[in-house]
C-alpha atoms as a PDB file:
ATOM      1  CA  MET A   1       0.000   0.000   0.000  1.00  0.00           C
ATOM      2  CA  GLN A   2       2.871   2.381   0.813  1.00  0.00           C
ATOM      3  CA  GLU A   3       4.090   2.211  -2.816  1.00  0.00           C
ATOM      4  CA  LEU A   4       0.853   3.957  -3.869  1.00  0.00           C
ATOM      5  CA  PHE A   5       1.687   6.954  -1.715  1.00  0.00           C
ATOM      6  CA  GLY A   6       5.220   7.488  -3.063  1.00  0.00           C
ATOM      7  CA  PRO A   7       4.010   9.186  -6.250  1.00  0.00           C
ATOM      8  CA  LEU A   8       1.411  11.159  -4.271  1.00  0.00           C
ATOM      9  CA  ALA A   9       3.996  12.373  -1.750  1.00  0.00           C
ATOM     10  CA  SER A  10       6.279  13.351  -4.644  1.00  0.00           C
ATOM     11  CA  ALA A  11       3.472  15.215  -6.403  1.00  0.00           C
ATOM     12  CA  ILE A  12       2.631  17.151  -3.246  1.00  0.00           C
ATOM     13  CA  TYR A  13       6.274  18.023  -2.619  1.00  0.00           C
ATOM     14  CA  GLU A  14       6.924  19.046  -6.233  1.00  0.00           C
ATOM     15  CA  THR A  15       3.741  21.113  -6.498  1.00  0.00           C
ATOM     16  CA  VAL A  16       4.531  23.125  -3.389  1.00  0.00           C
ATOM     17  CA  HIS A  17       8.294  23.408  -3.675  1.00  0.00           C
ATOM     18  CA  GLY A  18       8.248  24.021  -7.415  1.00  0.00           C
ATOM     19  CA  TYR A  19       5.853  26.971  -7.094  1.00  0.00           C
ATOM     20  CA  ARG A  20       7.105  30.460  -7.879  1.00  0.00           C
ATOM     21  CA  ALA A  21       5.219  33.604  -6.899  1.00  0.00           C
ATOM     22  CA  PRO A  22       3.917  35.651  -9.843  1.00  0.00           C
ATOM     23  CA  ASP A  23       6.542  38.325  -9.145  1.00  0.00           C
ATOM     24  CA  GLY A  24       9.226  35.616  -9.185  1.00  0.00           C
ATOM     25  CA  LYS A  25      10.752  36.699  -5.873  1.00  0.00           C
ATOM     26  CA  ALA A  26       9.459  33.993  -3.538  1.00  0.00           C
ATOM     27  CA  ARG A  27       9.067  30.307  -4.154  1.00  0.00           C
ATOM     28  CA  GLY A  28       7.905  27.125  -2.483  1.00  0.00           C
ATOM     29  CA  ALA A  29       5.756  27.047   0.643  1.00  0.00           C
ATOM     30  CA  VAL A  30       6.743  30.631   1.520  1.00  0.00           C
ATOM     31  CA  ALA A  31       5.163  31.875  -1.717  1.00  0.00           C
ATOM     32  CA  LEU A  32       2.232  29.465  -2.019  1.00  0.00           C
ATOM     33  CA  ALA A  33       0.923  29.107   1.550  1.00  0.00           C
ATOM     34  CA  PRO A  34      -0.221  32.724   2.094  1.00  0.00           C
ATOM     35  CA  ARG A  35      -2.115  32.676  -1.214  1.00  0.00           C
ATOM     36  CA  CYS A  36      -4.007  29.606   0.070  1.00  0.00           C
ATOM     37  CA  GLY A  37      -4.653  30.871   3.605  1.00  0.00           C
ATOM     38  CA  MET A  38      -2.039  28.605   5.186  1.00  0.00           C
ATOM     39  CA  ASN A  39       1.035  29.074   7.332  1.00  0.00           C
ATOM     40  CA  PRO A  40       4.232  28.500   5.280  1.00  0.00           C
ATOM     41  CA  GLY A  41       5.836  26.390   8.012  1.00  0.00           C
ATOM     42  CA  THR A  42       2.768  24.178   8.340  1.00  0.00           C
ATOM     43  CA  LEU A  43       2.559  23.695   4.589  1.00  0.00           C
ATOM     44  CA  SER A  44       6.260  22.921   4.382  1.00  0.00           C
ATOM     45  CA  ASN A  45       5.867  20.279   7.115  1.00  0.00           C
ATOM     46  CA  LYS A  46       2.864  18.754   5.338  1.00  0.00           C
ATOM     47  CA  THR A  47       4.921  18.324   2.177  1.00  0.00           C
ATOM     48  CA  ASN A  48       7.791  16.600   3.945  1.00  0.00           C
ATOM     49  CA  PRO A  49       7.242  12.823   3.822  1.00  0.00           C
ATOM     50  CA  ASP A  50       9.502  12.412   6.892  1.00  0.00           C
ATOM     51  CA  GLN A  51       7.171  14.535   9.052  1.00  0.00           C
ATOM     52  CA  GLY A  52       4.075  13.165  10.754  1.00  0.00           C
ATOM     53  CA  HIS A  53       1.875  15.859   9.195  1.00  0.00           C
ATOM     54  CA  VAL A  54      -0.296  15.028   6.203  1.00  0.00           C
ATOM     55  CA  LEU A  55      -1.775  17.293   3.546  1.00  0.00           C
ATOM     56  CA  GLY A  56      -5.492  16.572   3.299  1.00  0.00           C
ATOM     57  CA  LEU A  57      -7.378  16.137   0.044  1.00  0.00           C
ATOM     58  CA  ALA A  58      -9.478  19.264   0.652  1.00  0.00           C
ATOM     59  CA  GLU A  59      -6.341  21.265   1.545  1.00  0.00           C
ATOM     60  CA  SER A  60      -4.744  20.263  -1.747  1.00  0.00           C
ATOM     61  CA  ILE A  61      -7.486  21.883  -3.848  1.00  0.00           C
ATOM     62  CA  PRO A  62      -6.549  25.555  -3.327  1.00  0.00           C
ATOM     63  CA  LEU A  63      -2.857  24.667  -3.656  1.00  0.00           C
ATOM     64  CA  GLN A  64      -3.437  23.115  -7.050  1.00  0.00           C
ATOM     65  CA  LEU A  65      -5.688  25.948  -8.239  1.00  0.00           C
ATOM     66  CA  VAL A  66      -3.305  28.710  -7.146  1.00  0.00           C
ATOM     67  CA  ALA A  67      -0.235  26.890  -8.470  1.00  0.00           C
ATOM     68  CA  ASP A  68      -2.088  25.856 -11.638  1.00  0.00           C
ATOM     69  CA  ASP A  69      -0.366  22.505 -11.119  1.00  0.00           C
ATOM     70  CA  TYR A  70      -2.453  19.331 -11.042  1.00  0.00           C
ATOM     71  CA  ARG A  71       0.144  16.655 -10.343  1.00  0.00           C
ATOM     72  CA  ILE A  72      -1.546  15.967  -6.994  1.00  0.00           C
ATOM     73  CA  LEU A  73      -4.869  15.311  -8.730  1.00  0.00           C
ATOM     74  CA  TYR A  74      -3.206  13.044 -11.275  1.00  0.00           C
ATOM     75  CA  ALA A  75      -1.401  11.124  -8.513  1.00  0.00           C
ATOM     76  CA  TYR A  76      -4.672  10.617  -6.586  1.00  0.00           C
ATOM     77  CA  ALA A  77      -6.398   9.439  -9.755  1.00  0.00           C
ATOM     78  CA  SER A  78      -3.562   7.076 -10.613  1.00  0.00           C
ATOM     79  CA  ALA A  79      -3.536   5.578  -7.102  1.00  0.00           C
ATOM     80  CA  LEU A  80      -7.254   4.844  -7.573  1.00  0.00           C
ATOM     81  CA  GLN A  81      -6.702   3.433 -11.079  1.00  0.00           C
ATOM     82  CA  HIS A  82      -8.374   6.407 -12.771  1.00  0.00           C
ATOM     83  CA  VAL A  83      -7.254   9.245 -15.010  1.00  0.00           C
ATOM     84  CA  ALA A  84      -8.066  12.942 -14.928  1.00  0.00           C
ATOM     85  CA  TYR A  85      -8.210  15.448 -17.768  1.00  0.00           C
ATOM     86  CA  ARG A  86      -8.752  19.189 -17.624  1.00  0.00           C
ATOM     87  CA  LEU A  87     -12.095  19.921 -19.219  1.00  0.00           C
ATOM     88  CA  PRO A  88     -12.391  22.753 -21.707  1.00  0.00           C
ATOM     89  CA  PRO A  89     -14.877  25.481 -20.827  1.00  0.00           C
ATOM     90  CA  HIS A  90     -18.456  24.974 -22.004  1.00  0.00           C
ATOM     91  CA  ARG A  91     -19.386  27.324 -24.777  1.00  0.00           C
ATOM     92  CA  ASP A  92     -21.936  27.432 -27.535  1.00  0.00           C
ATOM     93  CA  ALA A  93     -20.756  26.177 -30.880  1.00  0.00           C
ATOM     94  CA  SER A  94     -21.957  26.671 -34.407  1.00  0.00           C
ATOM     95  CA  ASP A  95     -22.612  23.716 -36.685  1.00  0.00           C
ATOM     96  CA  VAL A  96     -19.246  24.332 -38.378  1.00  0.00           C
ATOM     97  CA  GLU A  97     -17.434  24.381 -35.017  1.00  0.00           C
ATOM     98  CA  LEU A  98     -19.129  21.118 -34.003  1.00  0.00           C
ATOM     99  CA  LEU A  99     -18.148  19.514 -37.297  1.00  0.00           C
ATOM    100  CA  ASP A 100     -14.613  20.807 -36.866  1.00  0.00           C
ATOM    101  CA  ALA A 101     -14.441  19.378 -33.318  1.00  0.00           C
ATOM    102  CA  TYR A 102     -15.727  16.009 -34.580  1.00  0.00           C
ATOM    103  CA  ALA A 103     -13.177  16.008 -37.415  1.00  0.00           C
ATOM    104  CA  LYS A 104     -10.425  16.784 -34.896  1.00  0.00           C
ATOM    105  CA  VAL A 105     -11.382  13.703 -32.870  1.00  0.00           C
ATOM    106  CA  GLN A 106     -11.243  11.545 -35.983  1.00  0.00           C
ATOM    107  CA  GLU A 107      -7.931  13.068 -37.082  1.00  0.00           C
ATOM    108  CA  ARG A 108      -6.376  12.339 -33.676  1.00  0.00           C
ATOM    109  CA  CYS A 109      -7.732   8.785 -33.821  1.00  0.00           C
ATOM    110  CA  GLY A 110      -6.009   8.323 -37.168  1.00  0.00           C
ATOM    111  CA  LEU A 111      -2.719   9.707 -35.839  1.00  0.00           C
ATOM    112  CA  LYS A 112      -2.899   7.313 -32.910  1.00  0.00           C
ATOM    113  CA  ALA A 113      -3.607   4.372 -35.225  1.00  0.00           C
ATOM    114  CA  ARG A 114      -0.623   5.312 -37.400  1.00  0.00           C
ATOM    115  CA  ALA A 115       1.653   5.607 -34.352  1.00  0.00           C
ATOM    116  CA  ILE A 116       0.570   2.152 -33.169  1.00  0.00           C
ATOM    117  CA  ARG A 117       0.997   0.636 -36.649  1.00  0.00           C
ATOM    118  CA  ASP A 118       4.466   2.154 -37.023  1.00  0.00           C
ATOM    119  CA  ALA A 119       5.509   0.952 -33.565  1.00  0.00           C
ATOM    120  CA  LEU A 120       4.365  -2.601 -34.230  1.00  0.00           C
ATOM    121  CA  ARG A 121       5.807  -2.804 -37.742  1.00  0.00           C
ATOM    122  CA  ASP A 122       9.140  -4.284 -36.624  1.00  0.00           C
ATOM    123  CA  GLY A 123       7.706  -6.191 -33.648  1.00  0.00           C
ATOM    124  CA  ASN A 124       9.731  -4.130 -31.160  1.00  0.00           C
ATOM    125  CA  VAL A 125       8.103  -1.159 -29.403  1.00  0.00           C
ATOM    126  CA  THR A 126      10.673   1.397 -28.267  1.00  0.00           C
ATOM    127  CA  ARG A 127      10.222   3.914 -25.443  1.00  0.00           C
ATOM    128  CA  ALA A 128      10.102   6.718 -28.036  1.00  0.00           C
ATOM    129  CA  GLU A 129       7.360   4.903 -29.959  1.00  0.00           C
ATOM    130  CA  LEU A 130       5.439   4.288 -26.751  1.00  0.00           C
ATOM    131  CA  GLU A 131       5.663   7.986 -25.893  1.00  0.00           C
ATOM    132  CA  GLU A 132       4.372   8.879 -29.379  1.00  0.00           C
ATOM    133  CA  ILE A 133       1.412   6.525 -28.894  1.00  0.00           C
ATOM    134  CA  ARG A 134       0.744   8.000 -25.446  1.00  0.00           C
ATOM    135  CA  THR A 135       0.881  11.546 -26.807  1.00  0.00           C
ATOM    136  CA  THR A 136      -1.491  10.824 -29.697  1.00  0.00           C
ATOM    137  CA  PHE A 137      -3.855   8.958 -27.368  1.00  0.00           C
ATOM    138  CA  ASP A 138      -3.861  11.917 -24.986  1.00  0.00           C
ATOM    139  CA  GLU A 139      -4.577  14.304 -27.877  1.00  0.00           C
ATOM    140  CA  GLU A 140      -7.462  12.110 -29.026  1.00  0.00           C
ATOM    141  CA  VAL A 141      -9.008  12.027 -25.545  1.00  0.00           C
ATOM    142  CA  ARG A 142      -8.681  15.807 -25.168  1.00  0.00           C
ATOM    143  CA  ALA A 143     -10.281  16.346 -28.582  1.00  0.00           C
ATOM    144  CA  GLY A 144     -13.133  14.033 -27.579  1.00  0.00           C
ATOM    145  CA  LEU A 145     -13.645  15.952 -24.332  1.00  0.00           C
ATOM    146  CA  GLU A 146     -13.713  19.219 -26.247  1.00  0.00           C
ATOM    147  CA  LEU A 147     -16.385  17.821 -28.567  1.00  0.00           C
ATOM    148  CA  MET A 148     -18.415  16.602 -25.576  1.00  0.00           C
ATOM    149  CA  SER A 149     -18.097  19.996 -23.910  1.00  0.00           C
ATOM    150  CA  ARG A 150     -19.441  21.721 -27.007  1.00  0.00           C
ATOM    151  CA  LEU A 151     -22.315  19.243 -27.288  1.00  0.00           C
ATOM    152  CA  GLU A 152     -23.135  19.625 -23.578  1.00  0.00           C
ATOM    153  CA  ALA A 153     -23.344  23.391 -24.057  1.00  0.00           C
ATOM    154  CA  LEU A 154     -26.138  22.768 -26.595  1.00  0.00           C
ATOM    155  CA  ALA A 155     -28.109  20.392 -24.357  1.00  0.00           C
ATOM    156  CA  ARG A 156     -31.310  21.814 -22.927  1.00  0.00           C
END
């Protein structure tokens, strides 16, 4: 069970300690904590896996929003065998925009299929080929979510 929390602890640490204030002067817990209504020392302790303090799920939400860094969310999702994607904003779409969004999904599907075919051609999938497949898959999912967002905006 502890192995599940390694990536989560890393995500928490990296989100907090990698944060830079908008003015660029402060960084880490000193910069992020006040913007989230927390004490910098407390936040720093909660990001240290060697301390007994733990950052709660609800506490992580403002940190992620202020930092615009969602590694904590992705680590939670991964530990629960799920994935998370940022949803595009809902907005009305014309028929042409809907058709364009649908075509984008199909285009990304084709790119993914080509990446898989190319990787399997020689019977040996390299790390670079796997990353290409992952990237095209991710692009396809994001395009599909964008299409769904546009369709949901039309639902009454």
